[in-house]
N, C-alpha and C. Protein backbone atom coordinates (compact mmCIF):
# COMPACT_ATOMS: atom_id res chain seq x y z
N MET A 1 10.60 24.31 -1.80
CA MET A 1 11.52 23.29 -1.31
C MET A 1 10.79 22.13 -0.43
N ILE A 2 11.14 21.18 -0.45
CA ILE A 2 10.42 20.25 0.08
C ILE A 2 10.96 19.61 1.29
N SER A 3 10.67 18.86 2.16
CA SER A 3 11.17 18.24 3.53
C SER A 3 12.37 17.19 3.44
N GLN A 4 13.27 17.18 4.00
CA GLN A 4 14.09 16.20 4.03
C GLN A 4 13.55 14.73 4.00
N GLU A 5 12.61 14.74 4.78
CA GLU A 5 11.72 13.16 4.80
C GLU A 5 11.19 13.10 3.49
N VAL A 6 10.56 14.07 2.85
CA VAL A 6 10.01 13.65 1.60
C VAL A 6 11.10 13.41 0.54
N VAL A 7 12.01 14.12 0.56
CA VAL A 7 13.17 13.77 -0.03
C VAL A 7 13.66 12.45 0.19
N LYS A 8 13.73 12.06 0.99
CA LYS A 8 14.24 10.57 1.53
C LYS A 8 13.23 9.30 1.09
N LYS A 9 11.78 10.01 0.85
CA LYS A 9 11.12 9.07 0.67
C LYS A 9 10.83 8.82 -0.73
N LEU A 10 11.39 10.05 -1.66
CA LEU A 10 11.12 9.74 -3.06
C LEU A 10 12.50 9.32 -3.58
N ASN A 11 13.46 9.43 -2.77
CA ASN A 11 14.81 8.81 -3.08
C ASN A 11 14.66 7.10 -3.12
N GLU A 12 13.88 6.83 -2.11
CA GLU A 12 13.42 5.26 -1.84
C GLU A 12 12.68 4.77 -3.04
N GLN A 13 11.68 5.62 -3.50
CA GLN A 13 11.10 5.33 -4.68
C GLN A 13 11.35 5.07 -5.87
N VAL A 14 12.57 5.92 -6.03
CA VAL A 14 13.61 6.08 -7.22
C VAL A 14 14.30 4.71 -7.30
N ALA A 15 14.73 4.17 -6.04
CA ALA A 15 15.40 2.93 -6.33
C ALA A 15 14.35 1.54 -6.20
N LYS A 16 13.40 1.76 -5.94
CA LYS A 16 12.05 0.80 -6.25
C LYS A 16 11.77 0.74 -7.69
N GLU A 17 11.76 1.88 -8.46
CA GLU A 17 11.49 2.03 -9.87
C GLU A 17 12.51 1.32 -10.64
N MET A 18 13.91 1.70 -10.01
CA MET A 18 15.27 1.06 -10.82
C MET A 18 15.24 -0.44 -10.59
N TYR A 19 14.72 -0.82 -9.69
CA TYR A 19 14.79 -2.31 -9.27
C TYR A 19 13.69 -2.96 -10.05
N ALA A 20 12.63 -2.39 -10.42
CA ALA A 20 11.52 -2.96 -11.28
C ALA A 20 12.09 -2.83 -12.61
N ALA A 21 12.94 -2.16 -13.12
CA ALA A 21 13.54 -1.81 -14.20
C ALA A 21 14.41 -3.06 -14.50
N ASN A 22 15.24 -3.30 -13.38
CA ASN A 22 16.30 -4.38 -13.61
C ASN A 22 15.56 -5.76 -13.22
N LEU A 23 14.71 -5.86 -12.76
CA LEU A 23 13.72 -7.00 -12.68
C LEU A 23 13.16 -7.47 -13.98
N TYR A 24 12.55 -6.39 -14.50
CA TYR A 24 11.96 -6.90 -15.96
C TYR A 24 13.04 -7.03 -17.20
N LEU A 25 14.17 -6.37 -16.96
CA LEU A 25 15.33 -6.96 -17.84
C LEU A 25 15.65 -8.26 -17.42
N SER A 26 15.50 -8.86 -16.31
CA SER A 26 15.97 -10.15 -16.02
C SER A 26 14.81 -11.15 -16.68
N MET A 27 13.61 -10.60 -16.17
CA MET A 27 12.72 -11.43 -16.92
C MET A 27 12.72 -11.55 -18.63
N SER A 28 12.71 -10.49 -19.09
CA SER A 28 13.03 -10.46 -20.47
C SER A 28 13.87 -11.66 -21.05
N SER A 29 14.85 -11.28 -20.32
CA SER A 29 16.11 -12.30 -20.59
C SER A 29 15.77 -13.74 -20.56
N TRP A 30 15.04 -13.85 -19.59
CA TRP A 30 14.55 -15.17 -19.29
C TRP A 30 13.72 -15.77 -20.35
N CYS A 31 12.76 -14.96 -20.57
CA CYS A 31 11.96 -15.20 -21.65
C CYS A 31 12.33 -15.22 -22.92
N PHE A 32 13.40 -14.63 -23.33
CA PHE A 32 14.21 -14.72 -24.84
C PHE A 32 14.98 -16.19 -24.52
N LYS A 33 15.65 -16.47 -23.63
CA LYS A 33 16.39 -17.92 -23.44
C LYS A 33 15.45 -18.68 -23.56
N ASN A 34 14.02 -18.58 -23.27
CA ASN A 34 13.21 -19.80 -23.38
C ASN A 34 12.13 -19.66 -24.50
N ARG A 35 12.61 -18.81 -25.54
CA ARG A 35 11.86 -18.65 -26.68
C ARG A 35 10.47 -17.70 -26.65
N TYR A 36 10.21 -17.46 -25.60
CA TYR A 36 8.88 -16.31 -25.64
C TYR A 36 9.50 -14.87 -26.01
N GLU A 37 9.63 -14.88 -27.22
CA GLU A 37 9.92 -13.59 -27.83
C GLU A 37 8.97 -12.35 -27.77
N GLY A 38 7.76 -12.58 -27.88
CA GLY A 38 6.81 -11.73 -27.53
C GLY A 38 6.70 -10.96 -26.16
N ALA A 39 6.87 -11.84 -25.41
CA ALA A 39 6.87 -11.74 -23.54
C ALA A 39 8.42 -11.10 -23.48
N GLY A 40 9.22 -11.43 -23.96
CA GLY A 40 10.83 -10.97 -23.81
C GLY A 40 10.93 -9.51 -24.47
N ASP A 41 10.24 -9.19 -25.47
CA ASP A 41 10.07 -7.91 -26.08
C ASP A 41 9.25 -6.91 -25.24
N PHE A 42 8.28 -7.55 -24.83
CA PHE A 42 7.08 -6.62 -23.98
C PHE A 42 8.04 -6.56 -22.55
N LEU A 43 8.28 -7.21 -21.94
CA LEU A 43 9.02 -7.04 -20.50
C LEU A 43 10.16 -5.95 -20.83
N PHE A 44 10.99 -6.16 -22.00
CA PHE A 44 12.28 -5.45 -22.13
C PHE A 44 11.65 -3.82 -22.40
N LYS A 45 10.71 -3.78 -23.09
CA LYS A 45 10.21 -2.35 -23.08
C LYS A 45 9.68 -1.84 -21.96
N HIS A 46 8.62 -2.69 -21.43
CA HIS A 46 8.23 -2.41 -19.85
C HIS A 46 9.51 -1.75 -18.86
N ALA A 47 10.77 -2.41 -19.04
CA ALA A 47 11.90 -2.00 -18.10
C ALA A 47 12.08 -0.77 -18.51
N GLY A 48 12.18 -0.31 -19.65
CA GLY A 48 12.46 1.19 -20.17
C GLY A 48 11.51 1.82 -19.51
N GLN A 49 10.19 1.66 -19.66
CA GLN A 49 8.98 2.65 -18.85
C GLN A 49 9.26 2.63 -17.44
N GLU A 50 9.85 1.73 -16.57
CA GLU A 50 10.06 1.51 -15.22
C GLU A 50 11.44 2.67 -15.10
N ASN A 51 12.01 2.44 -15.89
CA ASN A 51 13.39 3.53 -16.09
C ASN A 51 12.92 4.66 -15.97
N GLU A 52 12.00 4.98 -16.88
CA GLU A 52 11.19 6.46 -17.16
C GLU A 52 10.39 6.81 -15.94
N HIS A 53 10.04 6.02 -14.94
CA HIS A 53 9.40 6.16 -13.91
C HIS A 53 10.55 7.00 -12.85
N ALA A 54 11.43 6.18 -12.67
CA ALA A 54 12.63 6.45 -11.89
C ALA A 54 12.87 8.04 -12.36
N GLN A 55 13.24 8.19 -13.58
CA GLN A 55 13.45 9.67 -14.23
C GLN A 55 12.57 10.47 -13.85
N LYS A 56 11.42 10.19 -13.97
CA LYS A 56 10.48 11.37 -13.64
C LYS A 56 10.90 11.88 -11.96
N LEU A 57 10.79 10.75 -11.36
CA LEU A 57 10.94 11.09 -9.86
C LEU A 57 12.43 12.10 -9.81
N ILE A 58 13.29 11.75 -10.44
CA ILE A 58 14.56 12.40 -10.25
C ILE A 58 14.50 13.70 -10.79
N THR A 59 13.74 14.10 -11.85
CA THR A 59 13.67 15.30 -12.38
C THR A 59 12.92 16.15 -11.39
N TYR A 60 11.82 15.62 -10.78
CA TYR A 60 10.96 16.32 -9.93
C TYR A 60 11.96 16.61 -8.50
N LEU A 61 12.74 15.82 -8.11
CA LEU A 61 13.78 16.20 -7.03
C LEU A 61 14.82 17.23 -7.42
N ASN A 62 15.04 17.12 -8.92
CA ASN A 62 16.22 18.04 -9.34
C ASN A 62 15.44 19.38 -9.41
N GLU A 63 13.84 19.30 -9.77
CA GLU A 63 13.16 20.86 -9.93
C GLU A 63 13.02 21.49 -8.50
N THR A 64 13.08 20.79 -7.52
CA THR A 64 12.89 21.33 -6.01
C THR A 64 14.09 21.28 -5.32
N ASP A 65 15.34 21.64 -6.00
CA ASP A 65 16.55 21.57 -5.40
C ASP A 65 16.87 20.53 -4.26
N SER A 66 16.61 19.35 -4.56
CA SER A 66 16.71 18.37 -3.72
C SER A 66 17.79 17.57 -4.01
N LEU A 67 18.44 17.05 -3.20
CA LEU A 67 19.66 16.08 -3.41
C LEU A 67 19.13 14.63 -3.78
N VAL A 68 19.41 14.32 -5.12
CA VAL A 68 19.30 12.84 -5.59
C VAL A 68 20.36 12.03 -5.34
N GLU A 69 19.98 11.03 -4.23
CA GLU A 69 20.64 10.21 -3.33
C GLU A 69 20.62 8.79 -4.16
N LEU A 70 21.16 8.32 -5.09
CA LEU A 70 20.93 6.95 -5.90
C LEU A 70 21.33 5.99 -4.90
N GLN A 71 20.60 4.79 -4.97
CA GLN A 71 21.02 3.57 -3.90
C GLN A 71 21.41 2.47 -4.57
N ALA A 72 21.93 1.68 -3.89
CA ALA A 72 22.35 0.48 -4.47
C ALA A 72 21.09 -0.43 -4.86
N ILE A 73 21.03 -0.96 -5.80
CA ILE A 73 19.80 -1.78 -6.35
C ILE A 73 20.37 -3.20 -6.20
N ALA A 74 19.29 -4.02 -5.42
CA ALA A 74 19.58 -5.47 -5.16
C ALA A 74 19.44 -6.04 -6.62
N LYS A 75 20.29 -7.20 -6.53
CA LYS A 75 20.07 -8.08 -7.60
C LYS A 75 18.67 -8.74 -7.95
N PRO A 76 18.04 -8.51 -9.21
CA PRO A 76 17.02 -9.00 -9.12
C PRO A 76 16.87 -10.89 -9.48
N GLU A 77 15.81 -11.32 -9.18
CA GLU A 77 15.77 -12.82 -9.55
C GLU A 77 15.59 -12.92 -11.01
N ASN A 78 16.25 -14.27 -11.49
CA ASN A 78 16.69 -14.48 -12.88
C ASN A 78 16.24 -16.11 -13.22
N ASN A 79 15.53 -16.70 -12.24
CA ASN A 79 15.21 -17.85 -12.67
C ASN A 79 13.76 -18.19 -12.26
N PHE A 80 13.00 -18.44 -13.32
CA PHE A 80 11.52 -18.74 -13.34
C PHE A 80 10.95 -20.00 -13.70
N LYS A 81 10.13 -20.69 -13.20
CA LYS A 81 9.66 -21.74 -13.37
C LYS A 81 8.85 -22.13 -14.82
N ASN A 82 8.33 -20.84 -14.96
CA ASN A 82 7.37 -21.03 -16.62
C ASN A 82 6.87 -19.31 -16.77
N LEU A 83 6.30 -19.25 -18.00
CA LEU A 83 5.82 -18.14 -18.23
C LEU A 83 4.82 -17.54 -17.32
N LEU A 84 3.85 -18.33 -16.78
CA LEU A 84 3.05 -17.85 -15.98
C LEU A 84 3.71 -17.36 -14.52
N ASP A 85 4.62 -18.22 -14.18
CA ASP A 85 5.30 -17.64 -13.00
C ASP A 85 5.86 -16.13 -13.11
N VAL A 86 6.56 -15.98 -14.38
CA VAL A 86 7.12 -14.66 -14.73
C VAL A 86 6.21 -13.54 -14.53
N PHE A 87 5.11 -13.74 -14.96
CA PHE A 87 3.62 -12.89 -14.81
C PHE A 87 2.95 -12.70 -13.65
N GLU A 88 3.01 -13.70 -12.93
CA GLU A 88 2.67 -13.78 -11.47
C GLU A 88 3.49 -12.98 -10.58
N LYS A 89 4.71 -13.08 -10.64
CA LYS A 89 5.70 -12.39 -10.06
C LYS A 89 5.59 -10.91 -10.33
N THR A 90 5.67 -10.49 -11.61
CA THR A 90 5.46 -9.15 -12.31
C THR A 90 4.20 -8.43 -11.56
N TYR A 91 3.11 -9.07 -11.41
CA TYR A 91 1.94 -8.68 -10.89
C TYR A 91 2.19 -8.68 -9.37
N LYS A 92 2.51 -9.26 -8.70
CA LYS A 92 3.04 -9.23 -7.31
C LYS A 92 3.88 -7.90 -7.15
N HIS A 93 4.84 -7.68 -7.64
CA HIS A 93 5.92 -6.88 -7.71
C HIS A 93 4.83 -5.46 -8.00
N GLU A 94 4.12 -5.57 -8.83
CA GLU A 94 3.42 -3.99 -8.91
C GLU A 94 2.68 -3.99 -8.14
N VAL A 95 1.88 -4.94 -7.53
CA VAL A 95 1.02 -4.48 -6.08
C VAL A 95 2.02 -3.82 -5.23
N SER A 96 3.04 -4.56 -5.07
CA SER A 96 3.87 -3.79 -4.07
C SER A 96 4.40 -2.45 -4.20
N ILE A 97 4.48 -2.08 -5.67
CA ILE A 97 4.89 -0.63 -6.09
C ILE A 97 3.49 0.28 -5.73
N THR A 98 2.40 -0.40 -6.03
CA THR A 98 1.21 0.41 -5.71
C THR A 98 0.99 0.72 -4.27
N LYS A 99 1.19 -0.25 -3.72
CA LYS A 99 1.65 -0.24 -2.10
C LYS A 99 2.24 1.05 -1.40
N SER A 100 3.31 0.99 -2.16
CA SER A 100 4.56 2.17 -1.81
C SER A 100 4.10 3.38 -2.32
N ILE A 101 3.41 3.46 -3.49
CA ILE A 101 2.92 4.82 -4.03
C ILE A 101 1.65 5.24 -3.19
N ASN A 102 0.80 4.45 -2.64
CA ASN A 102 -0.50 4.93 -1.83
C ASN A 102 0.36 5.52 -0.73
N GLU A 103 1.39 4.81 0.15
CA GLU A 103 2.11 5.19 1.34
C GLU A 103 2.72 6.63 1.12
N LEU A 104 3.10 6.73 0.13
CA LEU A 104 3.87 8.26 -0.17
C LEU A 104 2.69 9.05 -0.46
N VAL A 105 1.57 8.79 -1.35
CA VAL A 105 0.53 9.83 -1.17
C VAL A 105 0.10 10.06 0.16
N SER A 106 -0.18 9.27 0.96
CA SER A 106 -0.71 9.45 2.28
C SER A 106 0.24 10.31 3.11
N PHE A 107 1.55 10.07 3.04
CA PHE A 107 2.66 10.88 3.82
C PHE A 107 2.45 12.06 3.31
N MET A 108 2.37 12.38 1.87
CA MET A 108 2.20 13.86 1.34
C MET A 108 1.06 14.66 1.99
N LEU A 109 -0.05 13.91 2.17
CA LEU A 109 -1.26 14.64 2.60
C LEU A 109 -0.96 15.04 4.24
N GLU A 110 -0.40 13.92 5.03
CA GLU A 110 -0.14 14.33 6.38
C GLU A 110 0.86 15.60 6.66
N GLU A 111 1.74 15.39 5.46
CA GLU A 111 3.05 16.62 5.37
C GLU A 111 2.52 18.09 4.86
N LYS A 112 1.35 17.96 4.33
CA LYS A 112 0.54 19.13 3.71
C LYS A 112 1.54 19.55 2.44
N ASP A 113 2.17 18.53 1.96
CA ASP A 113 2.99 18.84 0.79
C ASP A 113 2.12 18.59 -0.51
N TYR A 114 1.42 19.67 -0.80
CA TYR A 114 0.22 19.31 -2.04
C TYR A 114 0.96 19.42 -3.30
N SER A 115 1.86 19.85 -3.20
CA SER A 115 2.61 19.84 -4.86
C SER A 115 3.39 18.49 -5.10
N THR A 116 3.81 17.76 -4.10
CA THR A 116 4.32 16.35 -4.18
C THR A 116 3.11 15.65 -4.39
N PHE A 117 2.12 15.83 -3.63
CA PHE A 117 1.02 14.80 -3.67
C PHE A 117 0.12 15.04 -4.98
N ASN A 118 0.15 16.08 -5.76
CA ASN A 118 -0.22 16.39 -6.95
C ASN A 118 0.66 15.64 -7.93
N PHE A 119 1.88 15.82 -7.99
CA PHE A 119 2.91 15.36 -8.62
C PHE A 119 2.83 13.63 -8.49
N LEU A 120 2.36 13.10 -7.46
CA LEU A 120 2.38 11.53 -7.25
C LEU A 120 0.85 10.97 -8.19
N GLN A 121 0.02 12.01 -8.28
CA GLN A 121 -1.15 11.54 -8.94
C GLN A 121 -0.85 10.65 -10.13
N TRP A 122 0.13 11.12 -10.97
CA TRP A 122 0.34 10.35 -12.27
C TRP A 122 0.69 8.76 -11.78
N TYR A 123 1.36 8.76 -10.87
CA TYR A 123 1.94 7.58 -10.39
C TYR A 123 0.86 6.75 -10.12
N VAL A 124 -0.35 7.12 -9.19
CA VAL A 124 -1.38 6.35 -8.69
C VAL A 124 -2.19 5.80 -10.05
N ALA A 125 -2.32 6.81 -10.92
CA ALA A 125 -2.99 6.35 -12.34
C ALA A 125 -2.39 5.21 -12.75
N GLU A 126 -1.18 5.28 -13.05
CA GLU A 126 -0.16 4.68 -13.72
C GLU A 126 -0.36 3.12 -13.12
N GLN A 127 -0.05 3.19 -11.67
CA GLN A 127 -0.33 2.00 -11.00
C GLN A 127 -1.46 1.03 -11.25
N HIS A 128 -2.68 1.97 -11.42
CA HIS A 128 -3.77 1.26 -11.36
C HIS A 128 -3.61 0.54 -12.99
N GLU A 129 -3.18 1.27 -13.92
CA GLU A 129 -3.06 0.43 -15.53
C GLU A 129 -2.20 -0.47 -15.30
N GLU A 130 -1.26 -0.56 -14.83
CA GLU A 130 -0.08 -1.70 -14.73
C GLU A 130 -0.96 -2.94 -13.89
N GLU A 131 -1.26 -2.67 -12.80
CA GLU A 131 -1.96 -3.56 -12.28
C GLU A 131 -3.05 -4.55 -13.27
N ALA A 132 -3.95 -3.83 -13.75
CA ALA A 132 -4.93 -4.29 -14.89
C ALA A 132 -4.17 -5.05 -15.97
N LEU A 133 -3.12 -4.32 -16.21
CA LEU A 133 -2.26 -4.93 -17.56
C LEU A 133 -1.98 -6.43 -17.11
N PHE A 134 -1.16 -6.44 -16.04
CA PHE A 134 -0.50 -7.72 -15.78
C PHE A 134 -1.44 -8.80 -15.27
N ARG A 135 -2.67 -8.32 -14.40
CA ARG A 135 -3.65 -9.34 -14.19
C ARG A 135 -4.23 -9.78 -15.33
N GLY A 136 -4.35 -9.05 -16.46
CA GLY A 136 -4.82 -9.46 -17.68
C GLY A 136 -4.13 -10.65 -18.19
N ILE A 137 -2.71 -10.41 -18.42
CA ILE A 137 -1.88 -11.23 -18.93
C ILE A 137 -1.87 -12.43 -18.15
N ILE A 138 -1.98 -12.44 -16.91
CA ILE A 138 -2.09 -13.82 -16.24
C ILE A 138 -3.30 -14.53 -16.48
N ASP A 139 -4.65 -13.71 -16.43
CA ASP A 139 -5.83 -14.43 -16.77
C ASP A 139 -5.55 -15.17 -18.14
N LYS A 140 -5.11 -14.38 -19.14
CA LYS A 140 -5.05 -15.03 -20.34
C LYS A 140 -4.21 -16.25 -20.38
N ILE A 141 -3.03 -16.11 -19.96
CA ILE A 141 -1.99 -17.28 -19.74
C ILE A 141 -2.82 -18.33 -19.23
N LYS A 142 -3.43 -18.22 -18.26
CA LYS A 142 -4.46 -19.31 -17.52
C LYS A 142 -5.53 -20.00 -18.30
N LEU A 143 -6.25 -18.87 -19.01
CA LEU A 143 -7.32 -19.22 -20.12
C LEU A 143 -6.62 -20.08 -21.17
N ILE A 144 -5.50 -19.75 -21.60
CA ILE A 144 -4.96 -20.53 -22.90
C ILE A 144 -4.34 -21.70 -22.63
N GLY A 145 -3.88 -21.97 -21.23
CA GLY A 145 -3.56 -23.16 -20.81
C GLY A 145 -1.97 -23.04 -20.94
N ASP A 146 -1.21 -24.37 -20.62
CA ASP A 146 0.05 -24.54 -20.60
C ASP A 146 0.69 -25.49 -21.53
N GLN A 147 0.05 -25.97 -22.50
CA GLN A 147 0.50 -26.72 -23.42
C GLN A 147 1.32 -26.17 -24.66
N SER A 148 2.01 -26.93 -25.21
CA SER A 148 2.72 -26.04 -26.25
C SER A 148 2.19 -25.03 -27.03
N ASN A 149 1.18 -25.40 -27.75
CA ASN A 149 0.33 -24.25 -28.59
C ASN A 149 -0.11 -23.48 -27.69
N GLY A 150 -0.66 -23.47 -26.53
CA GLY A 150 -1.29 -22.48 -25.73
C GLY A 150 -0.11 -21.53 -25.16
N LEU A 151 1.07 -22.13 -24.94
CA LEU A 151 1.97 -21.27 -24.57
C LEU A 151 2.62 -20.34 -25.73
N TYR A 152 2.51 -20.65 -27.17
CA TYR A 152 2.64 -20.07 -28.18
C TYR A 152 1.73 -18.99 -28.40
N LEU A 153 0.58 -19.46 -28.19
CA LEU A 153 -0.47 -18.27 -28.41
C LEU A 153 -0.44 -17.33 -27.31
N ALA A 154 -0.26 -17.29 -26.11
CA ALA A 154 -0.17 -16.77 -25.16
C ALA A 154 1.38 -15.67 -25.15
N ASP A 155 2.43 -16.34 -26.08
CA ASP A 155 3.44 -15.36 -26.27
C ASP A 155 3.07 -14.46 -27.48
N GLN A 156 2.11 -14.82 -28.29
CA GLN A 156 1.94 -13.88 -29.30
C GLN A 156 0.72 -12.89 -28.77
N TYR A 157 0.00 -13.26 -28.00
CA TYR A 157 -0.93 -12.40 -27.25
C TYR A 157 0.00 -11.18 -26.70
N ILE A 158 0.85 -11.66 -25.95
CA ILE A 158 1.76 -10.86 -25.23
C ILE A 158 2.33 -9.85 -26.22
N LYS A 159 2.78 -10.49 -27.32
CA LYS A 159 3.60 -9.66 -28.35
C LYS A 159 2.62 -8.20 -28.81
N THR A 160 1.49 -8.73 -28.82
CA THR A 160 0.33 -7.20 -29.14
C THR A 160 0.33 -6.25 -28.19
N LEU A 161 0.84 -6.34 -26.89
CA LEU A 161 0.83 -5.66 -25.98
C LEU A 161 1.68 -4.44 -25.71
N VAL A 162 3.16 -5.05 -26.57
CA VAL A 162 4.18 -3.98 -26.63
C VAL A 162 3.96 -2.51 -26.76
N GLY A 163 4.37 -1.77 -26.15
CA GLY A 163 4.12 -0.38 -26.28
C GLY A 163 2.78 0.13 -25.01
N LYS A 164 2.22 -0.91 -24.54
CA LYS A 164 1.41 -0.52 -23.47
C LYS A 164 1.66 -0.43 -22.06
């Protein structure tokens, strides 16, 4: 059994992961609307991964006989300036999720909840990968440039990342 404060914090993280899924679906739709099919497909699949992150937390709560309290999810942004803006906002969001995970990990150590601490290590590693992935996309978009051919090349590059 885990403490009520741990349950509360994990439920809050579920909401953050679900918001991320909705945000990436919104970004995906914007990309498709603007003919960035590679980025649209990538973000659509990434939204599914964020949903899996939420489900993993829910499973953990269920396995500890804790109450899952799903929260209202805020409406995500759906208007972006350009492809670079989409991925800069994605990266910024991932940094905020990393901060949230790190705060959870610190809290578990303070609470001496080593089981939950251990469970959260997967999220620590995942966030490292996510930040590197999105930072790399931003770097490539900037390197390629924003001319029409460059944006096409950036979209084609992002298409190769589907599944990562």
